[in-house]
Amino acid sequence: MIINFSSAIDNSSVAVGDIAYASSVSSIKNGLQYFGEGGATPNRVGRIISVGSNFIEVESDSLSPVEGDFIMFSKDNSVNEASLKGYYASITMKNESTDRAELFAVNAVVHESSK
């Protein structure tokens, strides 16, 4: 199944092998979207087998998202189970919004990779 988006996919981490999920947007309050009726969990759509500039192709698990659903993805835990390793790490965070924003916490689990 191919899921087309009305604009370009603006997430460079979505990749072949990720798992796609869909959830309806039940309400928007103060600019924030709340998903699913009564806090329902997102439904698995299937494994992503192809990613284009404005579409993903999914091996469907029988669920077909409908127009207006929020589509999200997760990484396959059997492949992406290692934590950050090494002696040095660098991170850059940017907020290009002109609105006020707060960062509450940044956490990392780091394991020395060799001695």
PDB file of N, CA and C in Angstrom:
ATOM      1  N   MET A   1       0.838  -1.158   0.000  1.00  0.00           N
ATOM      2  CA  MET A   1       0.000   0.000   0.000  1.00  0.00           C
ATOM      3  C   MET A   1       0.899   1.242   0.000  1.00  0.00           C
ATOM      4  N   ILE A   2       0.525   2.227  -0.793  1.00  0.00           N
ATOM      5  CA  ILE A   2       1.266   3.488  -0.841  1.00  0.00           C
ATOM      6  C   ILE A   2       0.454   4.550  -0.112  1.00  0.00           C
ATOM      7  N   ILE A   3       1.100   5.252   0.805  1.00  0.00           N
ATOM      8  CA  ILE A   3       0.473   6.349   1.546  1.00  0.00           C
ATOM      9  C   ILE A   3       1.084   7.638   1.033  1.00  0.00           C
ATOM     10  N   ASN A   4       0.279   8.457   0.355  1.00  0.00           N
ATOM     11  CA  ASN A   4       0.737   9.730  -0.192  1.00  0.00           C
ATOM     12  C   ASN A   4       0.460  10.853   0.796  1.00  0.00           C
ATOM     13  N   PHE A   5       1.379  11.822   0.855  1.00  0.00           N
ATOM     14  CA  PHE A   5       1.240  12.985   1.714  1.00  0.00           C
ATOM     15  C   PHE A   5       1.076  14.223   0.844  1.00  0.00           C
ATOM     16  N   SER A   6       0.390  15.228   1.361  1.00  0.00           N
ATOM     17  CA  SER A   6       0.149  16.443   0.584  1.00  0.00           C
ATOM     18  C   SER A   6       1.381  17.328   0.493  1.00  0.00           C
ATOM     19  N   SER A   7       2.393  17.073   1.297  1.00  0.00           N
ATOM     20  CA  SER A   7       3.643  17.837   1.234  1.00  0.00           C
ATOM     21  C   SER A   7       4.814  16.871   1.399  1.00  0.00           C
ATOM     22  N   ALA A   8       6.011  17.397   1.254  1.00  0.00           N
ATOM     23  CA  ALA A   8       7.212  16.567   1.351  1.00  0.00           C
ATOM     24  C   ALA A   8       7.376  16.015   2.770  1.00  0.00           C
ATOM     25  N   ILE A   9       7.951  14.827   2.876  1.00  0.00           N
ATOM     26  CA  ILE A   9       8.249  14.236   4.183  1.00  0.00           C
ATOM     27  C   ILE A   9       9.445  14.979   4.753  1.00  0.00           C
ATOM     28  N   ASP A  10       9.248  15.633   5.899  1.00  0.00           N
ATOM     29  CA  ASP A  10      10.284  16.463   6.498  1.00  0.00           C
ATOM     30  C   ASP A  10      10.868  15.762   7.719  1.00  0.00           C
ATOM     31  N   ASN A  11      11.300  14.508   7.518  1.00  0.00           N
ATOM     32  CA  ASN A  11      11.884  13.735   8.612  1.00  0.00           C
ATOM     33  C   ASN A  11      12.918  12.798   8.003  1.00  0.00           C
ATOM     34  N   SER A  12      14.174  13.141   8.149  1.00  0.00           N
ATOM     35  CA  SER A  12      15.236  12.369   7.502  1.00  0.00           C
ATOM     36  C   SER A  12      15.492  11.024   8.173  1.00  0.00           C
ATOM     37  N   SER A  13      14.892  10.766   9.333  1.00  0.00           N
ATOM     38  CA  SER A  13      15.169   9.500  10.007  1.00  0.00           C
ATOM     39  C   SER A  13      14.216   8.379   9.613  1.00  0.00           C
ATOM     40  N   VAL A  14      13.132   8.674   8.899  1.00  0.00           N
ATOM     41  CA  VAL A  14      12.242   7.604   8.446  1.00  0.00           C
ATOM     42  C   VAL A  14      12.976   6.796   7.376  1.00  0.00           C
ATOM     43  N   ALA A  15      12.939   5.457   7.511  1.00  0.00           N
ATOM     44  CA  ALA A  15      13.732   4.614   6.613  1.00  0.00           C
ATOM     45  C   ALA A  15      13.011   3.296   6.351  1.00  0.00           C
ATOM     46  N   VAL A  16      13.469   2.616   5.308  1.00  0.00           N
ATOM     47  CA  VAL A  16      12.968   1.292   4.991  1.00  0.00           C
ATOM     48  C   VAL A  16      13.216   0.388   6.198  1.00  0.00           C
ATOM     49  N   GLY A  17      12.216  -0.404   6.573  1.00  0.00           N
ATOM     50  CA  GLY A  17      12.326  -1.286   7.725  1.00  0.00           C
ATOM     51  C   GLY A  17      11.641  -0.744   8.968  1.00  0.00           C
ATOM     52  N   ASP A  18      11.343   0.557   9.003  1.00  0.00           N
ATOM     53  CA  ASP A  18      10.617   1.135  10.130  1.00  0.00           C
ATOM     54  C   ASP A  18       9.173   0.633  10.113  1.00  0.00           C
ATOM     55  N   ILE A  19       8.488   0.755  11.232  1.00  0.00           N
ATOM     56  CA  ILE A  19       7.101   0.330  11.349  1.00  0.00           C
ATOM     57  C   ILE A  19       6.209   1.577  11.347  1.00  0.00           C
ATOM     58  N   ALA A  20       5.219   1.624  10.437  1.00  0.00           N
ATOM     59  CA  ALA A  20       4.297   2.760  10.343  1.00  0.00           C
ATOM     60  C   ALA A  20       3.071   2.518  11.204  1.00  0.00           C
ATOM     61  N   TYR A  21       2.598   3.588  11.849  1.00  0.00           N
ATOM     62  CA  TYR A  21       1.390   3.558  12.670  1.00  0.00           C
ATOM     63  C   TYR A  21       0.485   4.700  12.240  1.00  0.00           C
ATOM     64  N   ALA A  22      -0.810   4.562  12.486  1.00  0.00           N
ATOM     65  CA  ALA A  22      -1.772   5.616  12.156  1.00  0.00           C
ATOM     66  C   ALA A  22      -2.690   5.847  13.343  1.00  0.00           C
ATOM     67  N   SER A  23      -3.083   7.107  13.514  1.00  0.00           N
ATOM     68  CA  SER A  23      -4.023   7.459  14.568  1.00  0.00           C
ATOM     69  C   SER A  23      -4.839   8.654  14.099  1.00  0.00           C
ATOM     70  N   SER A  24      -6.096   8.671  14.474  1.00  0.00           N
ATOM     71  CA  SER A  24      -6.918   9.826  14.125  1.00  0.00           C
ATOM     72  C   SER A  24      -6.594  10.970  15.079  1.00  0.00           C
ATOM     73  N   VAL A  25      -6.731  12.197  14.586  1.00  0.00           N
ATOM     74  CA  VAL A  25      -6.559  13.368  15.436  1.00  0.00           C
ATOM     75  C   VAL A  25      -7.940  13.688  15.984  1.00  0.00           C
ATOM     76  N   SER A  26      -8.132  13.490  17.279  1.00  0.00           N
ATOM     77  CA  SER A  26      -9.465  13.675  17.843  1.00  0.00           C
ATOM     78  C   SER A  26      -9.746  15.120  18.233  1.00  0.00           C
ATOM     79  N   SER A  27      -8.695  15.891  18.537  1.00  0.00           N
ATOM     80  CA  SER A  27      -8.924  17.291  18.884  1.00  0.00           C
ATOM     81  C   SER A  27      -7.630  18.080  18.782  1.00  0.00           C
ATOM     82  N   ILE A  28      -7.791  19.377  18.627  1.00  0.00           N
ATOM     83  CA  ILE A  28      -6.655  20.303  18.638  1.00  0.00           C
ATOM     84  C   ILE A  28      -6.962  21.355  19.693  1.00  0.00           C
ATOM     85  N   LYS A  29      -6.071  21.469  20.687  1.00  0.00           N
ATOM     86  CA  LYS A  29      -6.283  22.392  21.791  1.00  0.00           C
ATOM     87  C   LYS A  29      -4.996  23.180  22.012  1.00  0.00           C
ATOM     88  N   ASN A  30      -5.069  24.503  21.985  1.00  0.00           N
ATOM     89  CA  ASN A  30      -3.911  25.370  22.170  1.00  0.00           C
ATOM     90  C   ASN A  30      -2.790  25.039  21.194  1.00  0.00           C
ATOM     91  N   GLY A  31      -3.154  24.681  19.974  1.00  0.00           N
ATOM     92  CA  GLY A  31      -2.157  24.378  18.958  1.00  0.00           C
ATOM     93  C   GLY A  31      -1.563  22.991  19.043  1.00  0.00           C
ATOM     94  N   LEU A  32      -1.959  22.179  20.030  1.00  0.00           N
ATOM     95  CA  LEU A  32      -1.446  20.817  20.191  1.00  0.00           C
ATOM     96  C   LEU A  32      -2.484  19.824  19.700  1.00  0.00           C
ATOM     97  N   GLN A  33      -2.029  18.778  19.025  1.00  0.00           N
ATOM     98  CA  GLN A  33      -2.931  17.753  18.519  1.00  0.00           C
ATOM     99  C   GLN A  33      -3.016  16.616  19.517  1.00  0.00           C
ATOM    100  N   TYR A  34      -4.225  16.155  19.788  1.00  0.00           N
ATOM    101  CA  TYR A  34      -4.460  15.029  20.673  1.00  0.00           C
ATOM    102  C   TYR A  34      -4.961  13.868  19.822  1.00  0.00           C
ATOM    103  N   PHE A  35      -4.332  12.706  19.959  1.00  0.00           N
ATOM    104  CA  PHE A  35      -4.588  11.589  19.069  1.00  0.00           C
ATOM    105  C   PHE A  35      -5.500  10.553  19.694  1.00  0.00           C
ATOM    106  N   GLY A  36      -6.287   9.955  18.837  1.00  0.00           N
ATOM    107  CA  GLY A  36      -7.127   8.837  19.244  1.00  0.00           C
ATOM    108  C   GLY A  36      -8.227   9.246  20.189  1.00  0.00           C
ATOM    109  N   GLU A  37      -9.328   8.573  20.094  1.00  0.00           N
ATOM    110  CA  GLU A  37     -10.450   8.863  20.984  1.00  0.00           C
ATOM    111  C   GLU A  37     -10.179   8.255  22.350  1.00  0.00           C
ATOM    112  N   GLY A  38     -10.270   9.046  23.382  1.00  0.00           N
ATOM    113  CA  GLY A  38     -10.071   8.558  24.739  1.00  0.00           C
ATOM    114  C   GLY A  38      -8.663   8.072  25.008  1.00  0.00           C
ATOM    115  N   GLY A  39      -7.668   8.601  24.303  1.00  0.00           N
ATOM    116  CA  GLY A  39      -6.290   8.196  24.522  1.00  0.00           C
ATOM    117  C   GLY A  39      -5.950   6.846  23.917  1.00  0.00           C
ATOM    118  N   ALA A  40      -6.702   6.434  22.892  1.00  0.00           N
ATOM    119  CA  ALA A  40      -6.444   5.142  22.245  1.00  0.00           C
ATOM    120  C   ALA A  40      -5.047   5.119  21.651  1.00  0.00           C
ATOM    121  N   THR A  41      -4.430   3.953  21.648  1.00  0.00           N
ATOM    122  CA  THR A  41      -3.084   3.824  21.109  1.00  0.00           C
ATOM    123  C   THR A  41      -3.129   3.822  19.585  1.00  0.00           C
ATOM    124  N   PRO A  42      -2.051   4.263  18.942  1.00  0.00           N
ATOM    125  CA  PRO A  42      -1.990   4.226  17.483  1.00  0.00           C
ATOM    126  C   PRO A  42      -2.060   2.784  16.975  1.00  0.00           C
ATOM    127  N   ASN A  43      -2.583   2.610  15.785  1.00  0.00           N
ATOM    128  CA  ASN A  43      -2.720   1.292  15.175  1.00  0.00           C
ATOM    129  C   ASN A  43      -1.591   1.041  14.187  1.00  0.00           C
ATOM    130  N   ARG A  44      -1.024  -0.164  14.242  1.00  0.00           N
ATOM    131  CA  ARG A  44       0.061  -0.542  13.339  1.00  0.00           C
ATOM    132  C   ARG A  44      -0.475  -0.670  11.917  1.00  0.00           C
ATOM    133  N   VAL A  45       0.190   0.000  10.979  1.00  0.00           N
ATOM    134  CA  VAL A  45      -0.164  -0.098   9.568  1.00  0.00           C
ATOM    135  C   VAL A  45       0.684  -1.178   8.908  1.00  0.00           C
ATOM    136  N   GLY A  46       2.004  -1.193   9.183  1.00  0.00           N
ATOM    137  CA  GLY A  46       2.882  -2.212   8.628  1.00  0.00           C
ATOM    138  C   GLY A  46       4.306  -1.720   8.478  1.00  0.00           C
ATOM    139  N   ARG A  47       5.163  -2.589   7.934  1.00  0.00           N
ATOM    140  CA  ARG A  47       6.582  -2.283   7.744  1.00  0.00           C
ATOM    141  C   ARG A  47       6.756  -1.422   6.491  1.00  0.00           C
ATOM    142  N   ILE A  48       7.562  -0.365   6.613  1.00  0.00           N
ATOM    143  CA  ILE A  48       7.843   0.526   5.476  1.00  0.00           C
ATOM    144  C   ILE A  48       8.837  -0.159   4.554  1.00  0.00           C
ATOM    145  N   ILE A  49       8.470  -0.275   3.259  1.00  0.00           N
ATOM    146  CA  ILE A  49       9.346  -0.938   2.292  1.00  0.00           C
ATOM    147  C   ILE A  49       9.930   0.033   1.275  1.00  0.00           C
ATOM    148  N   SER A  50       9.417   1.277   1.232  1.00  0.00           N
ATOM    149  CA  SER A  50       9.947   2.279   0.309  1.00  0.00           C
ATOM    150  C   SER A  50       9.583   3.661   0.836  1.00  0.00           C
ATOM    151  N   VAL A  51      10.518   4.606   0.678  1.00  0.00           N
ATOM    152  CA  VAL A  51      10.297   5.989   1.113  1.00  0.00           C
ATOM    153  C   VAL A  51      10.611   6.914  -0.045  1.00  0.00           C
ATOM    154  N   GLY A  52       9.654   7.775  -0.396  1.00  0.00           N
ATOM    155  CA  GLY A  52       9.860   8.774  -1.437  1.00  0.00           C
ATOM    156  C   GLY A  52       9.812  10.164  -0.841  1.00  0.00           C
ATOM    157  N   SER A  53       9.855  11.174  -1.683  1.00  0.00           N
ATOM    158  CA  SER A  53       9.860  12.547  -1.169  1.00  0.00           C
ATOM    159  C   SER A  53       8.536  12.928  -0.524  1.00  0.00           C
ATOM    160  N   ASN A  54       7.415  12.356  -0.990  1.00  0.00           N
ATOM    161  CA  ASN A  54       6.120  12.665  -0.390  1.00  0.00           C
ATOM    162  C   ASN A  54       5.218  11.429  -0.254  1.00  0.00           C
ATOM    163  N   PHE A  55       5.831  10.256  -0.133  1.00  0.00           N
ATOM    164  CA  PHE A  55       5.055   9.036   0.067  1.00  0.00           C
ATOM    165  C   PHE A  55       5.884   7.990   0.806  1.00  0.00           C
ATOM    166  N   ILE A  56       5.184   7.027   1.413  1.00  0.00           N
ATOM    167  CA  ILE A  56       5.825   5.823   1.920  1.00  0.00           C
ATOM    168  C   ILE A  56       5.041   4.635   1.377  1.00  0.00           C
ATOM    169  N   GLU A  57       5.732   3.548   1.107  1.00  0.00           N
ATOM    170  CA  GLU A  57       5.078   2.310   0.709  1.00  0.00           C
ATOM    171  C   GLU A  57       5.205   1.339   1.868  1.00  0.00           C
ATOM    172  N   VAL A  58       4.093   0.704   2.212  1.00  0.00           N
ATOM    173  CA  VAL A  58       4.022  -0.114   3.410  1.00  0.00           C
ATOM    174  C   VAL A  58       3.518  -1.508   3.073  1.00  0.00           C
ATOM    175  N   GLU A  59       4.163  -2.523   3.669  1.00  0.00           N
ATOM    176  CA  GLU A  59       3.611  -3.881   3.647  1.00  0.00           C
ATOM    177  C   GLU A  59       2.493  -3.878   4.671  1.00  0.00           C
ATOM    178  N   SER A  60       1.277  -3.788   4.221  1.00  0.00           N
ATOM    179  CA  SER A  60       0.145  -3.563   5.116  1.00  0.00           C
ATOM    180  C   SER A  60      -0.160  -4.768   5.985  1.00  0.00           C
ATOM    181  N   ASP A  61      -0.495  -4.486   7.240  1.00  0.00           N
ATOM    182  CA  ASP A  61      -0.969  -5.503   8.183  1.00  0.00           C
ATOM    183  C   ASP A  61      -2.491  -5.527   8.183  1.00  0.00           C
ATOM    184  N   SER A  62      -3.102  -5.055   7.121  1.00  0.00           N
ATOM    185  CA  SER A  62      -4.547  -5.013   6.863  1.00  0.00           C
ATOM    186  C   SER A  62      -5.195  -3.700   7.269  1.00  0.00           C
ATOM    187  N   LEU A  63      -4.555  -2.875   8.083  1.00  0.00           N
ATOM    188  CA  LEU A  63      -5.135  -1.590   8.440  1.00  0.00           C
ATOM    189  C   LEU A  63      -4.781  -0.565   7.373  1.00  0.00           C
ATOM    190  N   SER A  64      -5.766   0.125   6.862  1.00  0.00           N
ATOM    191  CA  SER A  64      -5.534   1.208   5.907  1.00  0.00           C
ATOM    192  C   SER A  64      -5.876   2.527   6.568  1.00  0.00           C
ATOM    193  N   PRO A  65      -4.910   3.432   6.668  1.00  0.00           N
ATOM    194  CA  PRO A  65      -5.228   4.730   7.254  1.00  0.00           C
ATOM    195  C   PRO A  65      -6.186   5.496   6.349  1.00  0.00           C
ATOM    196  N   VAL A  66      -6.948   6.393   6.927  1.00  0.00           N
ATOM    197  CA  VAL A  66      -7.868   7.223   6.157  1.00  0.00           C
ATOM    198  C   VAL A  66      -7.320   8.643   6.085  1.00  0.00           C
ATOM    199  N   GLU A  67      -7.825   9.402   5.129  1.00  0.00           N
ATOM    200  CA  GLU A  67      -7.375  10.780   4.966  1.00  0.00           C
ATOM    201  C   GLU A  67      -7.591  11.547   6.262  1.00  0.00           C
ATOM    202  N   GLY A  68      -6.580  12.286   6.684  1.00  0.00           N
ATOM    203  CA  GLY A  68      -6.640  13.045   7.923  1.00  0.00           C
ATOM    204  C   GLY A  68      -5.995  12.348   9.101  1.00  0.00           C
ATOM    205  N   ASP A  69      -5.692  11.042   8.967  1.00  0.00           N
ATOM    206  CA  ASP A  69      -5.000  10.331  10.042  1.00  0.00           C
ATOM    207  C   ASP A  69      -3.592  10.876  10.219  1.00  0.00           C
ATOM    208  N   PHE A  70      -3.083  10.820  11.439  1.00  0.00           N
ATOM    209  CA  PHE A  70      -1.694  11.164  11.728  1.00  0.00           C
ATOM    210  C   PHE A  70      -0.873   9.908  11.539  1.00  0.00           C
ATOM    211  N   ILE A  71       0.173   9.982  10.709  1.00  0.00           N
ATOM    212  CA  ILE A  71       1.033   8.833  10.433  1.00  0.00           C
ATOM    213  C   ILE A  71       2.343   9.038  11.177  1.00  0.00           C
ATOM    214  N   MET A  72       2.768   8.012  11.913  1.00  0.00           N
ATOM    215  CA  MET A  72       4.032   8.076  12.644  1.00  0.00           C
ATOM    216  C   MET A  72       4.786   6.776  12.403  1.00  0.00           C
ATOM    217  N   PHE A  73       6.024   6.703  12.863  1.00  0.00           N
ATOM    218  CA  PHE A  73       6.806   5.494  12.644  1.00  0.00           C
ATOM    219  C   PHE A  73       7.678   5.221  13.852  1.00  0.00           C
ATOM    220  N   SER A  74       8.117   3.973  13.951  1.00  0.00           N
ATOM    221  CA  SER A  74       9.073   3.603  14.989  1.00  0.00           C
ATOM    222  C   SER A  74      10.148   2.739  14.360  1.00  0.00           C
ATOM    223  N   LYS A  75      11.291   2.724  14.980  1.00  0.00           N
ATOM    224  CA  LYS A  75      12.393   1.888  14.515  1.00  0.00           C
ATOM    225  C   LYS A  75      12.195   0.468  15.014  1.00  0.00           C
ATOM    226  N   ASP A  76      12.675  -0.501  14.263  1.00  0.00           N
ATOM    227  CA  ASP A  76      12.589  -1.907  14.639  1.00  0.00           C
ATOM    228  C   ASP A  76      13.568  -2.159  15.783  1.00  0.00           C
ATOM    229  N   ASN A  77      13.063  -2.531  16.953  1.00  0.00           N
ATOM    230  CA  ASN A  77      13.910  -2.736  18.136  1.00  0.00           C
ATOM    231  C   ASN A  77      14.916  -3.862  17.965  1.00  0.00           C
ATOM    232  N   SER A  78      14.615  -4.847  17.138  1.00  0.00           N
ATOM    233  CA  SER A  78      15.560  -5.949  16.952  1.00  0.00           C
ATOM    234  C   SER A  78      16.804  -5.506  16.207  1.00  0.00           C
ATOM    235  N   VAL A  79      16.721  -4.405  15.475  1.00  0.00           N
ATOM    236  CA  VAL A  79      17.861  -3.885  14.724  1.00  0.00           C
ATOM    237  C   VAL A  79      18.507  -2.723  15.466  1.00  0.00           C
ATOM    238  N   ASN A  80      17.717  -1.873  16.081  1.00  0.00           N
ATOM    239  CA  ASN A  80      18.191  -0.643  16.712  1.00  0.00           C
ATOM    240  C   ASN A  80      18.171  -0.754  18.229  1.00  0.00           C
ATOM    241  N   GLU A  81      18.890  -1.725  18.785  1.00  0.00           N
ATOM    242  CA  GLU A  81      18.851  -1.908  20.228  1.00  0.00           C
ATOM    243  C   GLU A  81      20.088  -1.383  20.948  1.00  0.00           C
ATOM    244  N   ALA A  82      21.128  -0.994  20.249  1.00  0.00           N
ATOM    245  CA  ALA A  82      22.349  -0.515  20.881  1.00  0.00           C
ATOM    246  C   ALA A  82      22.172   0.938  21.329  1.00  0.00           C
ATOM    247  N   SER A  83      22.825   1.293  22.407  1.00  0.00           N
ATOM    248  CA  SER A  83      22.822   2.676  22.836  1.00  0.00           C
ATOM    249  C   SER A  83      24.065   3.371  22.281  1.00  0.00           C
ATOM    250  N   LEU A  84      24.162   4.661  22.515  1.00  0.00           N
ATOM    251  CA  LEU A  84      25.282   5.447  22.042  1.00  0.00           C
ATOM    252  C   LEU A  84      26.582   4.913  22.628  1.00  0.00           C
ATOM    253  N   LYS A  85      27.605   4.731  21.794  1.00  0.00           N
ATOM    254  CA  LYS A  85      28.872   4.184  22.268  1.00  0.00           C
ATOM    255  C   LYS A  85      30.018   5.087  21.853  1.00  0.00           C
ATOM    256  N   GLY A  86      31.083   5.079  22.656  1.00  0.00           N
ATOM    257  CA  GLY A  86      32.270   5.831  22.297  1.00  0.00           C
ATOM    258  C   GLY A  86      32.743   6.739  23.411  1.00  0.00           C
ATOM    259  N   TYR A  87      33.757   7.553  23.099  1.00  0.00           N
ATOM    260  CA  TYR A  87      34.349   8.462  24.074  1.00  0.00           C
ATOM    261  C   TYR A  87      33.827   9.885  23.940  1.00  0.00           C
ATOM    262  N   TYR A  88      33.262  10.210  22.794  1.00  0.00           N
ATOM    263  CA  TYR A  88      32.898  11.591  22.531  1.00  0.00           C
ATOM    264  C   TYR A  88      31.593  11.633  21.757  1.00  0.00           C
ATOM    265  N   ALA A  89      30.739  12.533  22.114  1.00  0.00           N
ATOM    266  CA  ALA A  89      29.484  12.727  21.387  1.00  0.00           C
ATOM    267  C   ALA A  89      29.207  14.218  21.295  1.00  0.00           C
ATOM    268  N   SER A  90      28.592  14.608  20.226  1.00  0.00           N
ATOM    269  CA  SER A  90      28.238  16.005  20.023  1.00  0.00           C
ATOM    270  C   SER A  90      26.800  16.068  19.537  1.00  0.00           C
ATOM    271  N   ILE A  91      26.057  17.041  20.031  1.00  0.00           N
ATOM    272  CA  ILE A  91      24.671  17.196  19.601  1.00  0.00           C
ATOM    273  C   ILE A  91      24.401  18.664  19.358  1.00  0.00           C
ATOM    274  N   THR A  92      23.632  18.931  18.329  1.00  0.00           N
ATOM    275  CA  THR A  92      23.214  20.291  18.027  1.00  0.00           C
ATOM    276  C   THR A  92      21.700  20.310  18.001  1.00  0.00           C
ATOM    277  N   MET A  93      21.098  21.188  18.781  1.00  0.00           N
ATOM    278  CA  MET A  93      19.644  21.343  18.790  1.00  0.00           C
ATOM    279  C   MET A  93      19.315  22.754  18.344  1.00  0.00           C
ATOM    280  N   LYS A  94      18.342  22.856  17.466  1.00  0.00           N
ATOM    281  CA  LYS A  94      17.937  24.162  16.958  1.00  0.00           C
ATOM    282  C   LYS A  94      16.449  24.352  17.142  1.00  0.00           C
ATOM    283  N   ASN A  95      16.074  25.535  17.502  1.00  0.00           N
ATOM    284  CA  ASN A  95      14.666  25.919  17.532  1.00  0.00           C
ATOM    285  C   ASN A  95      14.547  27.137  16.634  1.00  0.00           C
ATOM    286  N   GLU A  96      13.950  26.959  15.486  1.00  0.00           N
ATOM    287  CA  GLU A  96      13.845  28.050  14.521  1.00  0.00           C
ATOM    288  C   GLU A  96      12.538  28.808  14.655  1.00  0.00           C
ATOM    289  N   SER A  97      11.770  28.486  15.686  1.00  0.00           N
ATOM    290  CA  SER A  97      10.515  29.174  15.940  1.00  0.00           C
ATOM    291  C   SER A  97      10.792  30.521  16.601  1.00  0.00           C
ATOM    292  N   THR A  98       9.941  31.469  16.356  1.00  0.00           N
ATOM    293  CA  THR A  98      10.076  32.763  17.034  1.00  0.00           C
ATOM    294  C   THR A  98       9.281  32.783  18.334  1.00  0.00           C
ATOM    295  N   ASP A  99       8.514  31.705  18.582  1.00  0.00           N
ATOM    296  CA  ASP A  99       7.745  31.594  19.817  1.00  0.00           C
ATOM    297  C   ASP A  99       8.642  31.141  20.958  1.00  0.00           C
ATOM    298  N   ARG A 100       8.231  31.470  22.171  1.00  0.00           N
ATOM    299  CA  ARG A 100       8.955  31.052  23.367  1.00  0.00           C
ATOM    300  C   ARG A 100       8.894  29.532  23.473  1.00  0.00           C
ATOM    301  N   ALA A 101      10.010  28.921  23.854  1.00  0.00           N
ATOM    302  CA  ALA A 101      10.067  27.466  24.020  1.00  0.00           C
ATOM    303  C   ALA A 101      10.936  27.137  25.213  1.00  0.00           C
ATOM    304  N   GLU A 102      10.643  26.014  25.870  1.00  0.00           N
ATOM    305  CA  GLU A 102      11.430  25.553  26.999  1.00  0.00           C
ATOM    306  C   GLU A 102      11.916  24.144  26.739  1.00  0.00           C
ATOM    307  N   LEU A 103      13.145  23.878  27.136  1.00  0.00           N
ATOM    308  CA  LEU A 103      13.700  22.535  27.072  1.00  0.00           C
ATOM    309  C   LEU A 103      13.781  22.030  28.503  1.00  0.00           C
ATOM    310  N   PHE A 104      13.042  20.966  28.809  1.00  0.00           N
ATOM    311  CA  PHE A 104      12.966  20.480  30.182  1.00  0.00           C
ATOM    312  C   PHE A 104      14.095  19.530  30.524  1.00  0.00           C
ATOM    313  N   ALA A 105      14.521  18.707  29.566  1.00  0.00           N
ATOM    314  CA  ALA A 105      15.584  17.749  29.877  1.00  0.00           C
ATOM    315  C   ALA A 105      16.178  17.191  28.598  1.00  0.00           C
ATOM    316  N   VAL A 106      17.450  16.844  28.668  1.00  0.00           N
ATOM    317  CA  VAL A 106      18.133  16.106  27.611  1.00  0.00           C
ATOM    318  C   VAL A 106      18.861  14.968  28.308  1.00  0.00           C
ATOM    319  N   ASN A 107      18.597  13.740  27.892  1.00  0.00           N
ATOM    320  CA  ASN A 107      19.190  12.580  28.538  1.00  0.00           C
ATOM    321  C   ASN A 107      19.897  11.712  27.517  1.00  0.00           C
ATOM    322  N   ALA A 108      20.896  10.986  27.967  1.00  0.00           N
ATOM    323  CA  ALA A 108      21.596  10.036  27.097  1.00  0.00           C
ATOM    324  C   ALA A 108      22.109   8.876  27.941  1.00  0.00           C
ATOM    325  N   VAL A 109      22.089   7.697  27.362  1.00  0.00           N
ATOM    326  CA  VAL A 109      22.721   6.531  27.965  1.00  0.00           C
ATOM    327  C   VAL A 109      23.937   6.231  27.125  1.00  0.00           C
ATOM    328  N   VAL A 110      25.114   6.331  27.718  1.00  0.00           N
ATOM    329  CA  VAL A 110      26.364   6.185  26.967  1.00  0.00           C
ATOM    330  C   VAL A 110      27.187   5.064  27.553  1.00  0.00           C
ATOM    331  N   HIS A 111      27.708   4.187  26.696  1.00  0.00           N
ATOM    332  CA  HIS A 111      28.561   3.096  27.125  1.00  0.00           C
ATOM    333  C   HIS A 111      29.919   3.231  26.437  1.00  0.00           C
ATOM    334  N   GLU A 112      30.966   3.083  27.199  1.00  0.00           N
ATOM    335  CA  GLU A 112      32.307   3.117  26.629  1.00  0.00           C
ATOM    336  C   GLU A 112      32.438   1.958  25.642  1.00  0.00           C
ATOM    337  N   SER A 113      32.877   2.250  24.407  1.00  0.00           N
ATOM    338  CA  SER A 113      32.908   1.205  23.378  1.00  0.00           C
ATOM    339  C   SER A 113      34.197   0.386  23.402  1.00  0.00           C
ATOM    340  N   SER A 114      35.279   0.933  23.899  1.00  0.00           N
ATOM    341  CA  SER A 114      36.542   0.176  23.971  1.00  0.00           C
ATOM    342  C   SER A 114      37.474   0.848  24.982  1.00  0.00           C
ATOM    343  N   LYS A 115      38.519   0.123  25.359  1.00  0.00           N
ATOM    344  CA  LYS A 115      39.514   0.678  26.296  1.00  0.00           C
ATOM    345  C   LYS A 115      40.872   0.641  25.665  1.00  0.00           C
TER     346      LYS A 115
END
